[in-house]
Amino acid sequence: MLAVSLAPATAHAAVPETKRLALVDLQRVLLETSQGKKAKRDLEKAVSKSSAKLERKARELQQKYEDLQAKAAMLSEDELMKRSQELQQAEAELQMLYQAEQEDLMKKEGLLMEKIYKNASTVAKQLADKDGIQVILVRSELTVLYANPKLDITNRVIVAYDKKFK
């Protein structure tokens, strides 16, 4: 008679070792990596430049309105109507410029964030491969209510990110 026995060690060896779970706070990666800090400075410069341009145009338009109000009594009705329409058109153009600037800034921000996210993903994957981590979750207040701080590898991702992407 042949006896087959499954020893606990043999049965246990067939089950893969339990791997770790980790968390990365991408907001911190965006704000604390060298590339993220540079992206933030670049965006702030772009916002500043855009705001200055829009403010200058708005001041010019306001000055034209004030000039028209000051001269309104001296202008013919046709001339007053013509200048009013020109100002309305200039105001519409300013609104379109404002929207275009906003869209441009959002696009720039999106491209910068996408690049940093992609790089952070690469670094996180390398750390996961090195440490045998099976799942890395993005930590945010909306997705993770609580996690043991020992699971957070954000600092390691930031350090490795800065070494890899200078």
C-alpha atoms as a PDB file:
ATOM      1  CA  MET A   1       0.000   0.000   0.000  1.00  0.00           C
ATOM      2  CA  LEU A   2       1.347   3.398  -1.030  1.00  0.00           C
ATOM      3  CA  ALA A   3       0.826   6.172   1.470  1.00  0.00           C
ATOM      4  CA  VAL A   4       0.843   9.731   0.262  1.00  0.00           C
ATOM      5  CA  SER A   5       1.257  12.408   2.809  1.00  0.00           C
ATOM      6  CA  LEU A   6       1.314  16.136   2.299  1.00  0.00           C
ATOM      7  CA  ALA A   7       3.621  17.560   4.837  1.00  0.00           C
ATOM      8  CA  PRO A   8       2.764  21.098   5.908  1.00  0.00           C
ATOM      9  CA  ALA A   9       6.113  22.348   4.591  1.00  0.00           C
ATOM     10  CA  THR A  10       5.405  20.985   1.115  1.00  0.00           C
ATOM     11  CA  ALA A  11       1.865  22.368   1.027  1.00  0.00           C
ATOM     12  CA  HIS A  12       3.066  25.710   2.345  1.00  0.00           C
ATOM     13  CA  ALA A  13       5.870  25.943  -0.214  1.00  0.00           C
ATOM     14  CA  ALA A  14       3.313  25.900  -3.048  1.00  0.00           C
ATOM     15  CA  VAL A  15       1.674  29.048  -1.702  1.00  0.00           C
ATOM     16  CA  PRO A  16       3.553  32.203  -2.662  1.00  0.00           C
ATOM     17  CA  GLU A  17       5.086  34.222   0.099  1.00  0.00           C
ATOM     18  CA  THR A  18       2.868  37.076   1.249  1.00  0.00           C
ATOM     19  CA  LYS A  19       4.171  40.272  -0.289  1.00  0.00           C
ATOM     20  CA  ARG A  20       3.907  43.766   1.025  1.00  0.00           C
ATOM     21  CA  LEU A  21       1.615  46.594   0.233  1.00  0.00           C
ATOM     22  CA  ALA A  22       2.950  50.150   0.088  1.00  0.00           C
ATOM     23  CA  LEU A  23       1.670  53.686  -0.294  1.00  0.00           C
ATOM     24  CA  VAL A  24       3.055  56.727  -2.110  1.00  0.00           C
ATOM     25  CA  ASP A  25       1.799  60.263  -1.580  1.00  0.00           C
ATOM     26  CA  LEU A  26       2.038  61.640  -5.121  1.00  0.00           C
ATOM     27  CA  GLN A  27       1.232  65.160  -3.969  1.00  0.00           C
ATOM     28  CA  ARG A  28       4.397  65.118  -1.870  1.00  0.00           C
ATOM     29  CA  VAL A  29       6.365  63.670  -4.786  1.00  0.00           C
ATOM     30  CA  LEU A  30       5.096  66.511  -6.971  1.00  0.00           C
ATOM     31  CA  LEU A  31       5.999  69.144  -4.388  1.00  0.00           C
ATOM     32  CA  GLU A  32       9.220  67.761  -2.922  1.00  0.00           C
ATOM     33  CA  THR A  33      11.232  66.319  -5.809  1.00  0.00           C
ATOM     34  CA  SER A  34      13.702  68.620  -7.544  1.00  0.00           C
ATOM     35  CA  GLN A  35      11.806  68.225 -10.802  1.00  0.00           C
ATOM     36  CA  GLY A  36       8.502  68.935  -9.036  1.00  0.00           C
ATOM     37  CA  LYS A  37       9.899  72.070  -7.400  1.00  0.00           C
ATOM     38  CA  LYS A  38      11.225  73.265 -10.757  1.00  0.00           C
ATOM     39  CA  ALA A  39       7.868  72.563 -12.405  1.00  0.00           C
ATOM     40  CA  LYS A  40       6.122  74.544  -9.681  1.00  0.00           C
ATOM     41  CA  ARG A  41       8.497  77.502 -10.178  1.00  0.00           C
ATOM     42  CA  ASP A  42       8.003  77.339 -13.948  1.00  0.00           C
ATOM     43  CA  LEU A  43       4.232  77.301 -13.533  1.00  0.00           C
ATOM     44  CA  GLU A  44       4.335  80.200 -11.088  1.00  0.00           C
ATOM     45  CA  LYS A  45       6.397  82.200 -13.603  1.00  0.00           C
ATOM     46  CA  ALA A  46       3.923  81.370 -16.374  1.00  0.00           C
ATOM     47  CA  VAL A  47       0.985  82.369 -14.159  1.00  0.00           C
ATOM     48  CA  SER A  48       2.723  85.604 -13.212  1.00  0.00           C
ATOM     49  CA  LYS A  49       3.505  86.441 -16.829  1.00  0.00           C
ATOM     50  CA  SER A  50      -0.028  85.615 -17.926  1.00  0.00           C
ATOM     51  CA  SER A  51      -1.568  87.630 -15.087  1.00  0.00           C
ATOM     52  CA  ALA A  52       0.589  90.642 -15.885  1.00  0.00           C
ATOM     53  CA  LYS A  53      -0.413  90.471 -19.544  1.00  0.00           C
ATOM     54  CA  LEU A  54      -4.121  90.203 -18.682  1.00  0.00           C
ATOM     55  CA  GLU A  55      -3.919  93.002 -16.100  1.00  0.00           C
ATOM     56  CA  ARG A  56      -2.195  95.285 -18.606  1.00  0.00           C
ATOM     57  CA  LYS A  57      -4.904  94.615 -21.206  1.00  0.00           C
ATOM     58  CA  ALA A  58      -7.638  95.143 -18.595  1.00  0.00           C
ATOM     59  CA  ARG A  59      -6.095  98.482 -17.530  1.00  0.00           C
ATOM     60  CA  GLU A  60      -5.895  99.607 -21.159  1.00  0.00           C
ATOM     61  CA  LEU A  61      -9.545  98.698 -21.656  1.00  0.00           C
ATOM     62  CA  GLN A  62     -10.555 100.471 -18.444  1.00  0.00           C
ATOM     63  CA  GLN A  63      -8.671 103.577 -19.594  1.00  0.00           C
ATOM     64  CA  LYS A  64     -10.531 103.495 -22.914  1.00  0.00           C
ATOM     65  CA  TYR A  65     -13.875 103.258 -21.070  1.00  0.00           C
ATOM     66  CA  GLU A  66     -12.932 106.213 -18.880  1.00  0.00           C
ATOM     67  CA  ASP A  67     -11.853 108.249 -21.923  1.00  0.00           C
ATOM     68  CA  LEU A  68     -15.123 107.471 -23.655  1.00  0.00           C
ATOM     69  CA  GLN A  69     -17.133 108.517 -20.599  1.00  0.00           C
ATOM     70  CA  ALA A  70     -15.164 111.779 -20.349  1.00  0.00           C
ATOM     71  CA  LYS A  71     -15.697 112.592 -24.042  1.00  0.00           C
ATOM     72  CA  ALA A  72     -19.216 111.183 -24.418  1.00  0.00           C
ATOM     73  CA  ALA A  73     -20.892 114.613 -24.233  1.00  0.00           C
ATOM     74  CA  MET A  74     -18.704 115.959 -27.043  1.00  0.00           C
ATOM     75  CA  LEU A  75     -19.201 113.037 -29.457  1.00  0.00           C
ATOM     76  CA  SER A  76     -21.951 112.586 -31.973  1.00  0.00           C
ATOM     77  CA  GLU A  77     -24.396 109.774 -31.336  1.00  0.00           C
ATOM     78  CA  ASP A  78     -22.932 107.744 -34.226  1.00  0.00           C
ATOM     79  CA  GLU A  79     -19.376 108.219 -32.978  1.00  0.00           C
ATOM     80  CA  LEU A  80     -20.410 107.322 -29.413  1.00  0.00           C
ATOM     81  CA  MET A  81     -22.141 104.168 -30.680  1.00  0.00           C
ATOM     82  CA  LYS A  82     -19.113 103.229 -32.810  1.00  0.00           C
ATOM     83  CA  ARG A  83     -16.663 103.622 -29.904  1.00  0.00           C
ATOM     84  CA  SER A  84     -18.975 101.747 -27.524  1.00  0.00           C
ATOM     85  CA  GLN A  85     -19.114  98.831 -29.936  1.00  0.00           C
ATOM     86  CA  GLU A  86     -15.328  98.880 -30.297  1.00  0.00           C
ATOM     87  CA  LEU A  87     -14.994  98.731 -26.513  1.00  0.00           C
ATOM     88  CA  GLN A  88     -17.473  95.864 -26.287  1.00  0.00           C
ATOM     89  CA  GLN A  89     -15.492  93.993 -28.930  1.00  0.00           C
ATOM     90  CA  ALA A  90     -12.249  94.705 -27.060  1.00  0.00           C
ATOM     91  CA  GLU A  91     -13.849  93.414 -23.859  1.00  0.00           C
ATOM     92  CA  ALA A  92     -14.965  90.219 -25.616  1.00  0.00           C
ATOM     93  CA  GLU A  93     -11.425  89.770 -26.960  1.00  0.00           C
ATOM     94  CA  LEU A  94     -10.051  90.224 -23.438  1.00  0.00           C
ATOM     95  CA  GLN A  95     -12.407  87.506 -22.174  1.00  0.00           C
ATOM     96  CA  MET A  96     -11.273  85.179 -24.978  1.00  0.00           C
ATOM     97  CA  LEU A  97      -7.641  85.957 -24.154  1.00  0.00           C
ATOM     98  CA  TYR A  98      -8.326  85.181 -20.485  1.00  0.00           C
ATOM     99  CA  GLN A  99      -9.855  81.805 -21.408  1.00  0.00           C
ATOM    100  CA  ALA A 100      -6.988  80.999 -23.782  1.00  0.00           C
ATOM    101  CA  GLU A 101      -4.426  81.842 -21.090  1.00  0.00           C
ATOM    102  CA  GLN A 102      -6.271  79.658 -18.549  1.00  0.00           C
ATOM    103  CA  GLU A 103      -6.392  76.743 -20.981  1.00  0.00           C
ATOM    104  CA  ASP A 104      -2.718  77.173 -21.818  1.00  0.00           C
ATOM    105  CA  LEU A 105      -1.741  77.163 -18.139  1.00  0.00           C
ATOM    106  CA  MET A 106      -3.880  74.098 -17.445  1.00  0.00           C
ATOM    107  CA  LYS A 107      -2.289  72.311 -20.398  1.00  0.00           C
ATOM    108  CA  LYS A 108       1.238  73.189 -19.203  1.00  0.00           C
ATOM    109  CA  GLU A 109       0.418  72.025 -15.694  1.00  0.00           C
ATOM    110  CA  GLY A 110      -1.076  68.798 -17.000  1.00  0.00           C
ATOM    111  CA  LEU A 111       1.978  68.007 -19.113  1.00  0.00           C
ATOM    112  CA  LEU A 112       4.372  68.716 -16.252  1.00  0.00           C
ATOM    113  CA  MET A 113       2.339  66.653 -13.793  1.00  0.00           C
ATOM    114  CA  GLU A 114       2.011  63.804 -16.283  1.00  0.00           C
ATOM    115  CA  LYS A 115       5.802  63.707 -16.712  1.00  0.00           C
ATOM    116  CA  ILE A 116       6.413  63.685 -12.968  1.00  0.00           C
ATOM    117  CA  TYR A 117       3.710  61.062 -12.401  1.00  0.00           C
ATOM    118  CA  LYS A 118       5.227  58.841 -15.088  1.00  0.00           C
ATOM    119  CA  ASN A 119       8.709  59.210 -13.578  1.00  0.00           C
ATOM    120  CA  ALA A 120       7.373  58.550 -10.064  1.00  0.00           C
ATOM    121  CA  SER A 121       5.650  55.417 -11.362  1.00  0.00           C
ATOM    122  CA  THR A 122       8.940  54.210 -12.832  1.00  0.00           C
ATOM    123  CA  VAL A 123      10.771  54.808  -9.556  1.00  0.00           C
ATOM    124  CA  ALA A 124       8.000  53.187  -7.502  1.00  0.00           C
ATOM    125  CA  LYS A 125       8.049  50.116  -9.749  1.00  0.00           C
ATOM    126  CA  GLN A 126      11.822  49.808  -9.344  1.00  0.00           C
ATOM    127  CA  LEU A 127      11.467  50.001  -5.559  1.00  0.00           C
ATOM    128  CA  ALA A 128       8.647  47.445  -5.689  1.00  0.00           C
ATOM    129  CA  ASP A 129      10.785  45.045  -7.747  1.00  0.00           C
ATOM    130  CA  LYS A 130      13.737  45.521  -5.404  1.00  0.00           C
ATOM    131  CA  ASP A 131      11.720  45.055  -2.196  1.00  0.00           C
ATOM    132  CA  GLY A 132       9.187  42.484  -3.398  1.00  0.00           C
ATOM    133  CA  ILE A 133       6.240  44.844  -3.016  1.00  0.00           C
ATOM    134  CA  GLN A 134       3.186  43.556  -4.859  1.00  0.00           C
ATOM    135  CA  VAL A 135       0.947  46.644  -4.764  1.00  0.00           C
ATOM    136  CA  ILE A 136       1.686  50.343  -4.396  1.00  0.00           C
ATOM    137  CA  LEU A 137      -1.337  52.548  -3.845  1.00  0.00           C
ATOM    138  CA  VAL A 138      -1.536  56.295  -4.320  1.00  0.00           C
ATOM    139  CA  ARG A 139      -2.117  57.830  -0.937  1.00  0.00           C
ATOM    140  CA  SER A 140      -4.656  60.637  -0.757  1.00  0.00           C
ATOM    141  CA  GLU A 141      -7.413  61.666   1.595  1.00  0.00           C
ATOM    142  CA  LEU A 142      -9.968  60.524  -0.966  1.00  0.00           C
ATOM    143  CA  THR A 143      -8.585  57.051  -1.534  1.00  0.00           C
ATOM    144  CA  VAL A 144      -6.969  55.928   1.723  1.00  0.00           C
ATOM    145  CA  LEU A 145      -8.718  56.649   5.004  1.00  0.00           C
ATOM    146  CA  TYR A 146      -6.015  55.132   7.180  1.00  0.00           C
ATOM    147  CA  ALA A 147      -2.778  53.287   6.616  1.00  0.00           C
ATOM    148  CA  ASN A 148       0.020  52.268   8.894  1.00  0.00           C
ATOM    149  CA  PRO A 149       2.799  54.853   8.392  1.00  0.00           C
ATOM    150  CA  LYS A 150       5.259  51.975   7.935  1.00  0.00           C
ATOM    151  CA  LEU A 151       3.623  51.273   4.562  1.00  0.00           C
ATOM    152  CA  ASP A 152       4.415  54.765   3.241  1.00  0.00           C
ATOM    153  CA  ILE A 153       7.439  54.708   0.921  1.00  0.00           C
ATOM    154  CA  THR A 154       7.042  58.307  -0.288  1.00  0.00           C
ATOM    155  CA  ASN A 155      10.372  59.468   1.169  1.00  0.00           C
ATOM    156  CA  ARG A 156      12.184  56.620  -0.569  1.00  0.00           C
ATOM    157  CA  VAL A 157      10.446  57.429  -3.861  1.00  0.00           C
ATOM    158  CA  ILE A 158      11.425  61.114  -3.566  1.00  0.00           C
ATOM    159  CA  VAL A 159      15.084  60.289  -2.862  1.00  0.00           C
ATOM    160  CA  ALA A 160      15.263  57.694  -5.649  1.00  0.00           C
ATOM    161  CA  TYR A 161      13.399  60.048  -8.022  1.00  0.00           C
ATOM    162  CA  ASP A 162      15.880  62.849  -7.449  1.00  0.00           C
ATOM    163  CA  LYS A 163      18.813  60.470  -8.015  1.00  0.00           C
ATOM    164  CA  LYS A 164      17.352  59.159 -11.268  1.00  0.00           C
ATOM    165  CA  PHE A 165      15.776  62.336 -12.735  1.00  0.00           C
ATOM    166  CA  LYS A 166      17.993  65.317 -11.997  1.00  0.00           C
END
